[in-house]
Every structure is written in C-alpha cells, then in structure tokens.
C-alpha cells in the first residue's frame, strides 16, 4: 500500500467492469442501490433500496425524484474513486 492505494488491487480494478462509472450509474438508475451493491457496498445498496421503497410508499412515489438521482451520483463518484485505486469503505458516500 502506498498513498492509500493498494497496488495489487489497482490492476484488477482497472480491468474490471465494476469500476465503469457509466455502467454503475445506469444500474443505479434501473434499480436504486444496484450500482453500490455491485461495487461491494452491499449493505449500503440494500439500505438505499429499502429506504427508497419506504419513502416512495409514504410520498406516493414523489421521493423517487430525489432518491434515484442521489443513488446515481453516488454510484458514479464511488466508481470513479475505485478506478483511481482508492480504498472505498462500506458506508462511504460520494
């Protein structure tokens, strides 16, 4: 490890599709939290998905205009961090 980057994982991450920001954003658009789950933040992705469903139920679906873009932006920014080889915590946002 040097400067917060794990060198062995860097090569694996760069060749992996799980660090493609566009793909992760698209997956989070299709199912809120899916991009986070695929990138290894499974608990965070499930909490985002369940929270989005509960909020949508109480707001008659209007909250999806807030939760979906937040999930997409988070997935894209986390994927960019993974592409650079930065370590990502389980609950790290943006």
Protein backbone atom coordinates (compact mmCIF):
# COMPACT_ATOMS: atom_id res chain seq x y z
CA UNK A 1 0.00 0.00 0.00
CA UNK A 2 1.32 3.40 -0.93
CA UNK A 3 -0.53 6.70 -0.54
CA UNK A 4 -3.80 4.90 0.21
CA UNK A 5 -3.71 2.79 -2.94
CA UNK A 6 -3.46 -0.98 -2.85
CA UNK A 7 -1.23 -1.73 -5.82
CA UNK A 8 -2.26 -5.36 -6.33
CA UNK A 9 -5.95 -4.48 -6.45
CA UNK A 10 -5.33 -1.49 -8.73
CA UNK A 11 -4.64 -3.66 -11.77
CA UNK A 12 -7.69 -5.82 -11.07
CA UNK A 13 -9.93 -2.79 -10.61
CA UNK A 14 -8.79 -1.10 -13.80
CA UNK A 15 -9.60 -4.14 -15.91
CA UNK A 16 -12.91 -4.83 -14.18
CA UNK A 17 -16.32 -3.62 -15.39
CA UNK A 18 -17.34 -2.96 -11.79
CA UNK A 19 -15.45 0.32 -11.89
CA UNK A 20 -17.10 1.70 -15.02
CA UNK A 21 -18.87 4.86 -13.76
CA UNK A 22 -21.36 4.99 -16.62
CA UNK A 23 -22.39 1.37 -16.13
CA UNK A 24 -22.76 1.81 -12.36
CA UNK A 25 -24.85 4.95 -12.88
CA UNK A 26 -27.09 3.13 -15.36
CA UNK A 27 -27.55 0.19 -12.99
CA UNK A 28 -28.46 2.57 -10.16
CA UNK A 29 -30.98 4.22 -12.48
CA UNK A 30 -32.60 0.87 -13.28
CA UNK A 31 -32.70 -0.25 -9.62
CA UNK A 32 -31.81 2.20 -6.86
CA UNK A 33 -28.74 0.94 -4.99
CA UNK A 34 -27.76 -1.73 -7.52
CA UNK A 35 -24.58 0.07 -8.55
CA UNK A 36 -23.48 0.25 -4.93
CA UNK A 37 -24.22 -3.45 -4.41
CA UNK A 38 -22.17 -4.50 -7.43
CA UNK A 39 -19.19 -2.38 -6.33
CA UNK A 40 -19.05 -4.17 -2.98
CA UNK A 41 -21.14 -1.83 -0.84
CA UNK A 42 -23.89 -4.43 -0.48
CA UNK A 43 -25.32 -3.32 2.87
CA UNK A 44 -25.36 0.31 1.78
CA UNK A 45 -27.08 -0.61 -1.51
CA UNK A 46 -29.76 -2.64 0.27
CA UNK A 47 -30.41 0.17 2.74
CA UNK A 48 -30.72 2.66 -0.13
CA UNK A 49 -33.13 0.33 -1.97
CA UNK A 50 -35.33 -0.38 1.06
CA UNK A 51 -35.26 3.27 2.15
CA UNK A 52 -36.26 4.37 -1.33
CA UNK A 53 -39.18 1.93 -1.39
CA UNK A 54 -40.41 3.03 2.05
CA UNK A 55 -40.12 6.72 1.17
CA UNK A 56 -41.88 6.15 -2.15
CA UNK A 57 -44.74 4.43 -0.34
CA UNK A 58 -45.26 7.35 2.05
CA UNK A 59 -44.80 10.08 -0.58
CA UNK A 60 -46.82 8.33 -3.31
CA UNK A 61 -43.68 7.92 -5.44
CA UNK A 62 -42.57 11.55 -5.37
CA UNK A 63 -39.44 10.78 -3.35
CA UNK A 64 -38.02 8.82 -6.30
CA UNK A 65 -37.21 12.16 -7.92
CA UNK A 66 -34.75 12.69 -5.04
CA UNK A 67 -33.52 9.20 -4.12
CA UNK A 68 -32.79 8.00 -7.67
CA UNK A 69 -30.51 10.90 -8.69
CA UNK A 70 -28.67 10.68 -5.34
CA UNK A 71 -28.11 6.95 -5.87
CA UNK A 72 -26.87 7.51 -9.43
CA UNK A 73 -24.48 10.31 -8.45
CA UNK A 74 -23.14 8.27 -5.54
CA UNK A 75 -22.58 5.18 -7.74
CA UNK A 76 -20.76 7.21 -10.40
CA UNK A 77 -18.50 9.02 -7.93
CA UNK A 78 -17.69 5.85 -5.98
CA UNK A 79 -16.87 4.04 -9.27
CA UNK A 80 -14.52 6.89 -10.21
CA UNK A 81 -12.76 6.54 -6.85
CA UNK A 82 -12.41 2.79 -7.41
CA UNK A 83 -10.97 3.43 -10.88
CA UNK A 84 -8.28 5.62 -9.33
CA UNK A 85 -7.47 2.77 -6.97
CA UNK A 86 -8.70 4.45 -3.79
CA UNK A 87 -9.98 2.30 -0.97
CA UNK A 88 -13.74 2.57 -0.51
CA UNK A 89 -15.42 1.97 2.83
CA UNK A 90 -18.66 0.03 3.17
CA UNK A 91 -20.65 3.17 4.03
CA UNK A 92 -18.67 5.79 2.10
CA UNK A 93 -20.80 8.24 0.16
CA UNK A 94 -19.75 10.41 -2.78
